[in-house]
Amino acid sequence: MSNLRRIGTYRSKWGEGPLFHRDVLLYVDIEGHRVISYDPSDRSETIVEVGERVGTVVPREQGGLVIAGDTGFRFLDTDGNLTDIADPEPDIAANRFNDGKCDPSGRFWAGTISTTKETGTANLYRLDTDLSVSRQVTGVTNSNGICWTDDRQTMYYIDTPRKSVLAFDYDDATGDVTNARMAIDTQNFEGAPDGMAMDVQGNLWIAFCRGSAVRCFSPETGSELATIEVPTSCPTAPAFGGEHYDQLFITTGHLSDDPCENAGHVFRADPGVAGQRPNTFAG
């Protein structure tokens, strides 16, 4: 298990939001204002400047991508052109969009972060396939990892300062979530829970920013099952990928005071288990 190695040459200021789709790893450099794609077959990297901080990227079923960043949800086409969809927080200057993913029915969920660390001023939003936006979880500070169980019954979600993983009952027909409760308590682990991915056994792989590790937990028992040590302070998010989705790609951030040469690079590990394949935006 693990066999961790660094891949690619691009160094992010703050890498985030990895997702493996059609044989390519997609991720963002939030502070670098870029969407990056890495092709493992030839190790090529394609970089698109988006002109603002971008917190997450997902593929769109009909082609192109959808991003969420400083100015809300936007389409990004194959030529690099941007089209505005909606900005649900135009009057909150201190907030920007952070992590997000698509649910099993192709809705795009993404949450905001208070860049001034104002507790409870951010939110988790859902972009439906008709391009309407609704606020789903309020009182958030730093919206991060999100994923859904294969039976479409449960959604897991991280608001980083809570240092826990929340579980919600999820209604796939409507996209509504109810009955929030704590599934995993991470208070006793170094660092803070950031991005998250689910394997085919239903376990959660969580990057611990400032904790130099990605840890696997059972959401049923809350217990830690495995650890992948990462040779830099701030791993930010994991994503399963590769031909059989049995590799784990890990983005990292680069703190201004961190001299580590690995900071900001992407890593790949062999976790010993396959993971969920990503959902695409159906709108």
Protein backbone atom coordinates (compact mmCIF):
# COMPACT_ATOMS: atom_id res chain seq x y z
CA MET A 1 0.00 0.00 0.00
CA SER A 2 0.92 3.65 -0.59
CA ASN A 3 4.06 3.74 -2.82
CA LEU A 4 3.69 7.51 -2.76
CA ARG A 5 5.35 9.52 -5.53
CA ARG A 6 5.25 13.06 -6.87
CA ILE A 7 3.81 13.56 -10.34
CA GLY A 8 3.76 16.41 -12.85
CA THR A 9 5.88 19.54 -12.85
CA TYR A 10 3.30 22.24 -12.11
CA ARG A 11 3.56 23.74 -8.62
CA SER A 12 0.36 25.28 -7.29
CA LYS A 13 0.17 28.18 -4.91
CA TRP A 14 -2.78 26.28 -3.43
CA GLY A 15 -3.79 23.08 -5.20
CA GLU A 16 -7.30 21.74 -4.54
CA GLY A 17 -10.33 19.90 -5.89
CA PRO A 18 -8.78 16.93 -7.76
CA LEU A 19 -11.06 14.80 -9.93
CA PHE A 20 -10.16 12.05 -12.43
CA HIS A 21 -12.30 12.10 -15.58
CA ARG A 22 -11.76 10.55 -19.01
CA ASP A 23 -8.20 9.49 -18.21
CA VAL A 24 -7.15 12.97 -17.06
CA LEU A 25 -6.67 14.45 -13.60
CA LEU A 26 -8.42 17.81 -13.19
CA TYR A 27 -7.65 20.13 -10.30
CA VAL A 28 -7.42 23.84 -9.45
CA ASP A 29 -4.79 26.23 -8.20
CA ILE A 30 -6.97 28.49 -6.09
CA GLU A 31 -4.53 31.33 -5.53
CA GLY A 32 -2.92 30.88 -8.94
CA HIS A 33 -6.33 31.40 -10.62
CA ARG A 34 -5.88 28.30 -12.78
CA VAL A 35 -7.53 25.03 -13.80
CA ILE A 36 -4.98 22.31 -14.52
CA SER A 37 -5.35 18.99 -16.30
CA TYR A 38 -2.67 16.30 -16.04
CA ASP A 39 -2.56 13.38 -18.48
CA PRO A 40 -0.75 10.41 -16.89
CA SER A 41 -0.27 8.73 -20.26
CA ASP A 42 2.23 11.32 -21.51
CA ARG A 43 2.70 13.42 -18.35
CA SER A 44 1.46 16.52 -20.17
CA GLU A 45 -0.13 19.42 -18.29
CA THR A 46 -2.69 21.85 -19.68
CA ILE A 47 -3.17 25.08 -17.75
CA VAL A 48 -6.11 27.47 -18.16
CA GLU A 49 -6.11 30.93 -16.57
CA VAL A 50 -9.55 31.89 -15.26
CA GLY A 51 -8.79 35.36 -13.92
CA GLU A 52 -9.95 34.83 -10.33
CA ARG A 53 -9.57 32.46 -7.41
CA VAL A 54 -11.20 29.17 -8.35
CA GLY A 55 -12.16 26.71 -5.63
CA THR A 56 -13.35 23.70 -7.58
CA VAL A 57 -13.94 22.26 -11.06
CA VAL A 58 -16.26 19.51 -12.34
CA PRO A 59 -16.87 18.11 -15.84
CA ARG A 60 -20.10 18.84 -17.67
CA GLU A 61 -21.94 15.99 -19.41
CA GLN A 62 -22.46 17.95 -22.62
CA GLY A 63 -18.83 19.05 -22.76
CA GLY A 64 -16.58 21.54 -21.05
CA LEU A 65 -16.34 22.20 -17.34
CA VAL A 66 -18.09 24.05 -14.53
CA ILE A 67 -16.11 26.01 -11.95
CA ALA A 68 -16.96 27.87 -8.76
CA GLY A 69 -14.79 30.72 -7.54
CA ASP A 70 -14.73 34.38 -6.57
CA THR A 71 -17.74 35.28 -8.73
CA GLY A 72 -19.87 32.19 -8.28
CA PHE A 73 -20.68 29.38 -10.69
CA ARG A 74 -19.37 29.63 -14.27
CA PHE A 75 -19.10 27.45 -17.36
CA LEU A 76 -15.60 26.96 -18.79
CA ASP A 77 -15.59 25.70 -22.38
CA THR A 78 -12.90 23.80 -24.25
CA ASP A 79 -11.48 27.05 -25.68
CA GLY A 80 -11.08 28.57 -22.22
CA ASN A 81 -14.07 30.89 -22.48
CA LEU A 82 -16.09 31.61 -19.34
CA THR A 83 -19.86 32.09 -19.08
CA ASP A 84 -21.49 33.29 -15.85
CA ILE A 85 -24.21 31.13 -14.31
CA ALA A 86 -24.98 32.59 -10.87
CA ASP A 87 -23.32 34.23 -7.89
CA PRO A 88 -25.31 33.59 -4.70
CA GLU A 89 -23.11 35.79 -2.48
CA PRO A 90 -22.35 38.97 -4.47
CA ASP A 91 -22.57 41.16 -1.37
CA ILE A 92 -20.20 39.16 0.86
CA ALA A 93 -16.80 40.41 -0.23
CA ALA A 94 -14.88 38.24 2.23
CA ASN A 95 -16.36 34.99 0.89
CA ARG A 96 -15.36 32.93 -2.12
CA PHE A 97 -16.27 29.45 -3.32
CA ASN A 98 -14.13 26.58 -2.13
CA ASP A 99 -14.48 22.80 -2.63
CA GLY A 100 -17.37 21.05 -4.36
CA LYS A 101 -18.49 17.98 -6.34
CA CYS A 102 -21.52 16.65 -8.23
CA ASP A 103 -24.11 14.40 -6.62
CA PRO A 104 -25.33 11.12 -8.18
CA SER A 105 -28.04 12.90 -10.18
CA GLY A 106 -25.65 15.46 -11.65
CA ARG A 107 -26.31 18.46 -9.42
CA PHE A 108 -23.22 20.53 -8.55
CA TRP A 109 -22.69 21.19 -4.84
CA ALA A 110 -20.12 23.79 -3.78
CA GLY A 111 -19.64 25.80 -0.63
CA THR A 112 -18.09 29.09 0.32
CA ILE A 113 -15.31 29.98 2.74
CA SER A 114 -14.86 33.07 4.85
CA THR A 115 -11.40 34.31 3.90
CA THR A 116 -11.41 36.41 7.09
CA LYS A 117 -12.40 33.34 9.17
CA GLU A 118 -15.72 34.81 10.29
CA THR A 119 -17.50 31.91 11.94
CA GLY A 120 -20.77 30.84 10.33
CA THR A 121 -20.91 33.40 7.50
CA ALA A 122 -20.42 30.90 4.65
CA ASN A 123 -22.84 28.39 3.13
CA LEU A 124 -23.16 25.22 1.06
CA TYR A 125 -25.03 25.66 -2.23
CA ARG A 126 -26.56 23.36 -4.84
CA LEU A 127 -26.57 24.20 -8.54
CA ASP A 128 -29.42 22.23 -10.10
CA THR A 129 -29.50 21.04 -13.69
CA ASP A 130 -31.91 23.88 -14.61
CA LEU A 131 -29.15 26.27 -13.40
CA SER A 132 -31.11 27.40 -10.35
CA VAL A 133 -29.11 27.78 -7.13
CA SER A 134 -30.32 26.95 -3.64
CA ARG A 135 -28.69 27.27 -0.23
CA GLN A 136 -28.57 23.86 1.47
CA VAL A 137 -26.44 24.23 4.60
CA THR A 138 -25.99 27.49 6.51
CA GLY A 139 -23.68 28.58 9.31
CA VAL A 140 -20.56 27.31 7.53
CA THR A 141 -17.06 28.79 7.92
CA ASN A 142 -14.84 26.79 5.53
CA SER A 143 -16.77 24.50 3.20
CA ASN A 144 -14.69 21.52 2.08
CA GLY A 145 -14.98 17.80 1.25
CA ILE A 146 -18.29 16.34 0.08
CA CYS A 147 -19.38 12.92 -1.22
CA TRP A 148 -22.35 10.56 -1.45
CA THR A 149 -22.85 6.87 -0.73
CA ASP A 150 -23.45 4.46 -3.61
CA ASP A 151 -26.97 3.74 -2.36
CA ARG A 152 -27.77 7.48 -2.67
CA GLN A 153 -29.00 7.62 0.92
CA THR A 154 -26.28 9.61 2.69
CA MET A 155 -24.16 12.70 2.02
CA TYR A 156 -20.94 13.35 3.94
CA TYR A 157 -19.64 16.89 4.33
CA ILE A 158 -16.76 18.75 5.97
CA ASP A 159 -16.86 22.27 7.39
CA THR A 160 -13.18 22.35 8.32
CA PRO A 161 -13.16 24.32 11.62
CA ARG A 162 -15.64 21.87 13.15
CA LYS A 163 -12.89 19.20 12.89
CA SER A 164 -15.43 16.54 12.08
CA VAL A 165 -17.33 14.93 9.21
CA LEU A 166 -21.07 15.49 9.13
CA ALA A 167 -23.54 12.99 7.70
CA PHE A 168 -26.90 13.96 6.22
CA ASP A 169 -29.86 11.95 4.99
CA TYR A 170 -29.89 12.58 1.24
CA ASP A 171 -32.96 12.44 -1.03
CA ASP A 172 -31.71 11.76 -4.54
CA ALA A 173 -35.07 12.56 -6.12
CA THR A 174 -35.11 16.13 -4.80
CA GLY A 175 -31.48 16.74 -3.82
CA ASP A 176 -32.56 17.75 -0.32
CA VAL A 177 -30.53 16.93 2.79
CA THR A 178 -31.82 16.53 6.35
CA ASN A 179 -30.88 15.12 9.75
CA ALA A 180 -27.34 16.45 10.17
CA ARG A 181 -25.20 14.50 12.63
CA MET A 182 -21.53 13.86 13.30
CA ALA A 183 -20.12 10.76 11.59
CA ILE A 184 -16.39 11.15 12.33
CA ASP A 185 -14.67 13.16 15.05
CA THR A 186 -11.18 14.32 13.97
CA GLN A 187 -10.35 16.49 16.99
CA ASN A 188 -7.49 14.24 18.08
CA PHE A 189 -5.68 14.20 14.74
CA GLU A 190 -2.99 16.68 13.76
CA GLY A 191 -4.13 19.25 11.22
CA ALA A 192 -7.62 20.00 9.96
CA PRO A 193 -9.89 17.90 7.71
CA ASP A 194 -9.99 19.29 4.18
CA GLY A 195 -10.91 17.49 0.94
CA MET A 196 -12.47 14.02 0.95
CA ALA A 197 -13.05 11.00 -1.31
CA MET A 198 -14.95 7.74 -0.86
CA ASP A 199 -13.74 4.25 -1.77
CA VAL A 200 -15.91 1.40 -3.06
CA GLN A 201 -16.19 -0.02 0.46
CA GLY A 202 -17.82 3.20 1.65
CA ASN A 203 -14.85 4.43 3.67
CA LEU A 204 -13.74 8.05 3.60
CA TRP A 205 -10.24 9.26 2.68
CA ILE A 206 -9.59 12.71 4.13
CA ALA A 207 -6.67 15.10 3.59
CA PHE A 208 -5.45 16.75 6.79
CA CYS A 209 -4.14 20.21 6.00
CA ARG A 210 -1.18 21.10 8.24
CA GLY A 211 -1.22 17.45 9.25
CA SER A 212 0.96 15.95 6.46
CA ALA A 213 -1.36 12.99 5.92
CA VAL A 214 -4.36 11.51 4.17
CA ARG A 215 -6.31 9.28 6.56
CA CYS A 216 -8.99 6.68 5.86
CA PHE A 217 -11.96 6.36 8.23
CA SER A 218 -15.00 4.15 8.56
CA PRO A 219 -18.05 6.42 8.72
CA GLU A 220 -19.93 3.58 10.41
CA THR A 221 -17.61 3.37 13.42
CA GLY A 222 -15.67 6.63 13.14
CA SER A 223 -12.40 4.73 13.49
CA GLU A 224 -9.20 5.33 11.50
CA LEU A 225 -8.36 2.47 9.13
CA ALA A 226 -5.25 3.64 7.24
CA THR A 227 -2.82 6.54 6.89
CA ILE A 228 -0.78 7.83 3.95
CA GLU A 229 1.97 10.17 5.07
CA VAL A 230 2.53 13.07 2.66
CA PRO A 231 5.96 14.77 2.59
CA THR A 232 4.67 18.31 2.95
CA SER A 233 2.60 20.17 5.52
CA CYS A 234 -0.63 20.80 3.64
CA PRO A 235 -2.23 17.99 1.65
CA THR A 236 -5.56 19.49 0.60
CA ALA A 237 -7.66 16.84 -1.15
CA PRO A 238 -7.58 13.25 -2.45
CA ALA A 239 -9.25 11.79 -5.54
CA PHE A 240 -9.38 8.24 -6.84
CA GLY A 241 -8.30 7.76 -10.44
CA GLY A 242 -6.30 5.75 -12.93
CA GLU A 243 -7.59 3.09 -15.31
CA HIS A 244 -9.23 1.11 -12.51
CA TYR A 245 -9.70 4.00 -10.08
CA ASP A 246 -7.33 2.27 -7.67
CA GLN A 247 -4.82 5.12 -7.45
CA LEU A 248 -5.16 8.05 -5.09
CA PHE A 249 -4.17 11.51 -6.34
CA ILE A 250 -3.42 14.12 -3.67
CA THR A 251 -3.20 17.88 -4.17
CA THR A 252 -1.22 20.09 -1.80
CA GLY A 253 -0.91 23.73 -0.83
CA HIS A 254 2.18 25.91 -0.56
CA LEU A 255 2.30 28.11 2.52
CA SER A 256 4.30 31.31 2.10
CA ASP A 257 6.59 30.38 5.00
CA ASP A 258 7.03 26.73 3.94
CA PRO A 259 10.42 26.00 2.31
CA CYS A 260 9.44 22.40 1.50
CA GLU A 261 10.12 21.67 -2.17
CA ASN A 262 7.13 19.28 -2.29
CA ALA A 263 4.61 21.93 -1.25
CA GLY A 264 2.14 22.72 -4.02
CA HIS A 265 2.83 19.56 -6.02
CA VAL A 266 0.51 16.63 -6.76
CA PHE A 267 1.19 13.13 -5.42
CA ARG A 268 -0.07 9.70 -6.40
CA ALA A 269 -0.39 6.72 -4.07
CA ASP A 270 -1.61 3.13 -4.25
CA PRO A 271 -4.13 2.91 -1.40
CA GLY A 272 -4.94 -0.78 -1.83
CA VAL A 273 -8.58 -0.17 -2.69
CA ALA A 274 -10.54 1.31 -5.61
CA GLY A 275 -12.65 4.42 -5.26
CA GLN A 276 -15.85 5.94 -6.55
CA ARG A 277 -15.91 7.36 -10.05
CA PRO A 278 -16.86 11.04 -10.22
CA ASN A 279 -20.26 12.35 -11.17
CA THR A 280 -20.61 14.97 -13.90
CA PHE A 281 -22.82 18.04 -14.05
CA ALA A 282 -26.00 17.18 -15.96
CA GLY A 283 -27.11 20.75 -16.66
